[in-house]
Amino acid sequence: QVQLVESGGGLVQAGGSLRLSCAASGSISSINVMGWYRQAPGKQRELVAVITSGGIPNYADSVKGRFTISRDNAKNTVYLQMNSLKPEDTAVYYCNAEGVTAGYYSGYKNYWGQGTQVTVSS
């Protein structure tokens, strides 16, 4: 069974930094795209940043220049370095793995992590 385990959330003051990590496990052969989404109370889940297996990133306009996504394919792990945090960045952050192949099923599947809370105080 493929699992995504997130870590690194917490409480930080505005202007501070946090680093999120997400490790995928479970007899994985490959992962096409890994990334982060977030959901604030009363709002829909939105894309924050994603990165392809070849290392090409894509960011939401609201985080460009402040957040950096990176990935270690050998460890099936994706990171999100968040700098210059703002109160509006407060949300539950979810890790996503898209186009996952594994040894015990055919085709591709998508997976979500359980979410990690990020709270930015003003």
C-alpha atoms as a PDB file:
ATOM      1  CA  GLN A   1       0.000   0.000   0.000  1.00  0.00           C
ATOM      2  CA  VAL A   2       1.421   3.380  -1.011  1.00  0.00           C
ATOM      3  CA  GLN A   3       1.473   5.946   1.763  1.00  0.00           C
ATOM      4  CA  LEU A   4       2.447   9.598   1.887  1.00  0.00           C
ATOM      5  CA  VAL A   5       3.720  10.877   5.222  1.00  0.00           C
ATOM      6  CA  GLU A   6       4.045  14.618   5.723  1.00  0.00           C
ATOM      7  CA  SER A   7       6.026  16.475   8.349  1.00  0.00           C
ATOM      8  CA  GLY A   8       7.210  19.970   9.150  1.00  0.00           C
ATOM      9  CA  GLY A   9       4.049  21.945   9.758  1.00  0.00           C
ATOM     10  CA  GLY A  10       3.562  24.179  12.758  1.00  0.00           C
ATOM     11  CA  LEU A  11       3.040  27.677  14.075  1.00  0.00           C
ATOM     12  CA  VAL A  12       5.235  30.534  12.882  1.00  0.00           C
ATOM     13  CA  GLN A  13       5.105  34.318  12.958  1.00  0.00           C
ATOM     14  CA  ALA A  14       4.568  36.324   9.806  1.00  0.00           C
ATOM     15  CA  GLY A  15       7.821  36.682   7.905  1.00  0.00           C
ATOM     16  CA  GLY A  16       9.115  33.379   9.215  1.00  0.00           C
ATOM     17  CA  SER A  17       9.960  30.136   7.457  1.00  0.00           C
ATOM     18  CA  LEU A  18       8.924  26.508   7.527  1.00  0.00           C
ATOM     19  CA  ARG A  19       9.997  23.449   5.570  1.00  0.00           C
ATOM     20  CA  LEU A  20       7.532  20.697   4.745  1.00  0.00           C
ATOM     21  CA  SER A  21       8.565  17.179   3.793  1.00  0.00           C
ATOM     22  CA  CYS A  22       6.546  14.355   2.279  1.00  0.00           C
ATOM     23  CA  ALA A  23       7.902  10.834   1.899  1.00  0.00           C
ATOM     24  CA  ALA A  24       6.142   8.256  -0.237  1.00  0.00           C
ATOM     25  CA  SER A  25       6.556   4.580   0.587  1.00  0.00           C
ATOM     26  CA  GLY A  26       5.223   1.212  -0.546  1.00  0.00           C
ATOM     27  CA  SER A  27       7.022  -0.653  -3.332  1.00  0.00           C
ATOM     28  CA  ILE A  28       6.906   2.369  -5.610  1.00  0.00           C
ATOM     29  CA  SER A  29       8.406   2.103  -9.072  1.00  0.00           C
ATOM     30  CA  SER A  30       7.976   5.709 -10.185  1.00  0.00           C
ATOM     31  CA  ILE A  31       6.079   8.911  -9.438  1.00  0.00           C
ATOM     32  CA  ASN A  32       5.301  11.333 -12.247  1.00  0.00           C
ATOM     33  CA  VAL A  33       4.407  14.509 -10.357  1.00  0.00           C
ATOM     34  CA  MET A  34       4.671  15.320  -6.659  1.00  0.00           C
ATOM     35  CA  GLY A  35       3.371  18.425  -5.074  1.00  0.00           C
ATOM     36  CA  TRP A  36       1.597  20.394  -2.401  1.00  0.00           C
ATOM     37  CA  TYR A  37      -1.936  21.671  -2.140  1.00  0.00           C
ATOM     38  CA  ARG A  38      -3.555  23.586   0.689  1.00  0.00           C
ATOM     39  CA  GLN A  39      -7.006  24.140   2.087  1.00  0.00           C
ATOM     40  CA  ALA A  40      -7.943  27.003   4.358  1.00  0.00           C
ATOM     41  CA  PRO A  41     -11.140  26.928   6.455  1.00  0.00           C
ATOM     42  CA  GLY A  42     -14.179  27.566   4.290  1.00  0.00           C
ATOM     43  CA  LYS A  43     -12.168  27.471   1.075  1.00  0.00           C
ATOM     44  CA  GLN A  44     -11.516  24.928  -1.644  1.00  0.00           C
ATOM     45  CA  ARG A  45      -8.287  23.009  -1.851  1.00  0.00           C
ATOM     46  CA  GLU A  46      -5.820  24.822  -4.097  1.00  0.00           C
ATOM     47  CA  LEU A  47      -2.530  24.074  -5.756  1.00  0.00           C
ATOM     48  CA  VAL A  48       0.551  25.490  -4.063  1.00  0.00           C
ATOM     49  CA  ALA A  49       3.403  23.942  -6.034  1.00  0.00           C
ATOM     50  CA  VAL A  50       4.132  20.785  -8.003  1.00  0.00           C
ATOM     51  CA  ILE A  51       7.274  19.322  -9.519  1.00  0.00           C
ATOM     52  CA  THR A  52       7.773  16.711 -12.218  1.00  0.00           C
ATOM     53  CA  SER A  53      10.104  13.740 -12.022  1.00  0.00           C
ATOM     54  CA  GLY A  54      12.443  15.728 -14.253  1.00  0.00           C
ATOM     55  CA  GLY A  55      12.575  18.576 -11.749  1.00  0.00           C
ATOM     56  CA  ILE A  56      10.338  21.112 -13.496  1.00  0.00           C
ATOM     57  CA  PRO A  57       8.352  23.127 -10.929  1.00  0.00           C
ATOM     58  CA  ASN A  58       5.096  25.003 -11.179  1.00  0.00           C
ATOM     59  CA  TYR A  59       3.881  27.468  -8.545  1.00  0.00           C
ATOM     60  CA  ALA A  60       0.699  29.252  -7.668  1.00  0.00           C
ATOM     61  CA  ASP A  61       1.063  32.977  -8.293  1.00  0.00           C
ATOM     62  CA  SER A  62       0.439  33.670  -4.616  1.00  0.00           C
ATOM     63  CA  VAL A  63       3.612  31.832  -3.531  1.00  0.00           C
ATOM     64  CA  LYS A  64       6.020  32.603  -6.373  1.00  0.00           C
ATOM     65  CA  GLY A  65       9.256  34.050  -5.087  1.00  0.00           C
ATOM     66  CA  ARG A  66       8.538  32.905  -1.519  1.00  0.00           C
ATOM     67  CA  PHE A  67       8.172  29.111  -1.739  1.00  0.00           C
ATOM     68  CA  THR A  68      10.540  26.613  -3.308  1.00  0.00           C
ATOM     69  CA  ILE A  69       9.629  23.040  -4.158  1.00  0.00           C
ATOM     70  CA  SER A  70      12.255  20.339  -4.557  1.00  0.00           C
ATOM     71  CA  ARG A  71      12.337  16.605  -4.887  1.00  0.00           C
ATOM     72  CA  ASP A  72      14.579  13.633  -4.212  1.00  0.00           C
ATOM     73  CA  ASN A  73      13.549  10.898  -6.639  1.00  0.00           C
ATOM     74  CA  ALA A  74      15.759   8.278  -4.997  1.00  0.00           C
ATOM     75  CA  LYS A  75      13.894   8.815  -1.723  1.00  0.00           C
ATOM     76  CA  ASN A  76      10.459   9.469  -3.273  1.00  0.00           C
ATOM     77  CA  THR A  77      10.371  12.616  -1.194  1.00  0.00           C
ATOM     78  CA  VAL A  78       9.190  16.122  -1.969  1.00  0.00           C
ATOM     79  CA  TYR A  79       9.994  19.255   0.017  1.00  0.00           C
ATOM     80  CA  LEU A  80       8.445  22.689   0.263  1.00  0.00           C
ATOM     81  CA  GLN A  81      10.589  25.495   1.630  1.00  0.00           C
ATOM     82  CA  MET A  82       8.283  28.319   2.669  1.00  0.00           C
ATOM     83  CA  ASN A  83       9.827  31.726   3.348  1.00  0.00           C
ATOM     84  CA  SER A  84       8.319  35.139   4.078  1.00  0.00           C
ATOM     85  CA  LEU A  85       5.181  33.471   5.343  1.00  0.00           C
ATOM     86  CA  LYS A  86       1.982  35.495   5.548  1.00  0.00           C
ATOM     87  CA  PRO A  87      -1.153  34.955   7.640  1.00  0.00           C
ATOM     88  CA  GLU A  88      -3.015  34.116   4.430  1.00  0.00           C
ATOM     89  CA  ASP A  89      -0.725  31.088   4.015  1.00  0.00           C
ATOM     90  CA  THR A  90      -2.478  29.521   7.015  1.00  0.00           C
ATOM     91  CA  ALA A  91      -4.040  26.236   5.900  1.00  0.00           C
ATOM     92  CA  VAL A  92      -3.780  22.486   6.012  1.00  0.00           C
ATOM     93  CA  TYR A  93      -1.127  21.495   3.504  1.00  0.00           C
ATOM     94  CA  TYR A  94      -1.578  18.221   1.639  1.00  0.00           C
ATOM     95  CA  CYS A  95       1.040  16.256  -0.222  1.00  0.00           C
ATOM     96  CA  ASN A  96       0.028  14.725  -3.544  1.00  0.00           C
ATOM     97  CA  ALA A  97       1.663  12.052  -5.693  1.00  0.00           C
ATOM     98  CA  GLU A  98       0.298  11.768  -9.216  1.00  0.00           C
ATOM     99  CA  GLY A  99       0.935   9.011 -11.719  1.00  0.00           C
ATOM    100  CA  VAL A 100       2.348   6.508  -9.255  1.00  0.00           C
ATOM    101  CA  THR A 101       3.367   3.069 -10.485  1.00  0.00           C
ATOM    102  CA  ALA A 102       4.082   0.214  -8.104  1.00  0.00           C
ATOM    103  CA  GLY A 103       5.037  -3.403  -8.252  1.00  0.00           C
ATOM    104  CA  TYR A 104       1.698  -4.756  -7.087  1.00  0.00           C
ATOM    105  CA  TYR A 105      -0.731  -3.036  -9.441  1.00  0.00           C
ATOM    106  CA  SER A 106      -0.884  -2.087 -13.112  1.00  0.00           C
ATOM    107  CA  GLY A 107      -1.411   1.401 -14.439  1.00  0.00           C
ATOM    108  CA  TYR A 108      -1.175   4.686 -12.562  1.00  0.00           C
ATOM    109  CA  LYS A 109      -2.734   5.869  -9.311  1.00  0.00           C
ATOM    110  CA  ASN A 110      -2.853   9.129  -7.384  1.00  0.00           C
ATOM    111  CA  TYR A 111      -2.375   9.483  -3.647  1.00  0.00           C
ATOM    112  CA  TRP A 112      -2.855  12.122  -0.954  1.00  0.00           C
ATOM    113  CA  GLY A 113      -1.200  12.567   2.402  1.00  0.00           C
ATOM    114  CA  GLN A 114      -3.126  13.140   5.609  1.00  0.00           C
ATOM    115  CA  GLY A 115      -2.312  16.845   5.745  1.00  0.00           C
ATOM    116  CA  THR A 116      -0.206  19.006   8.024  1.00  0.00           C
ATOM    117  CA  GLN A 117      -1.334  22.254   9.623  1.00  0.00           C
ATOM    118  CA  VAL A 118       0.547  25.459   8.912  1.00  0.00           C
ATOM    119  CA  THR A 119      -0.470  28.482  10.986  1.00  0.00           C
ATOM    120  CA  VAL A 120       1.044  31.909  10.436  1.00  0.00           C
ATOM    121  CA  SER A 121       0.340  34.487  13.119  1.00  0.00           C
ATOM    122  CA  SER A 122       0.340  38.209  12.432  1.00  0.00           C
END
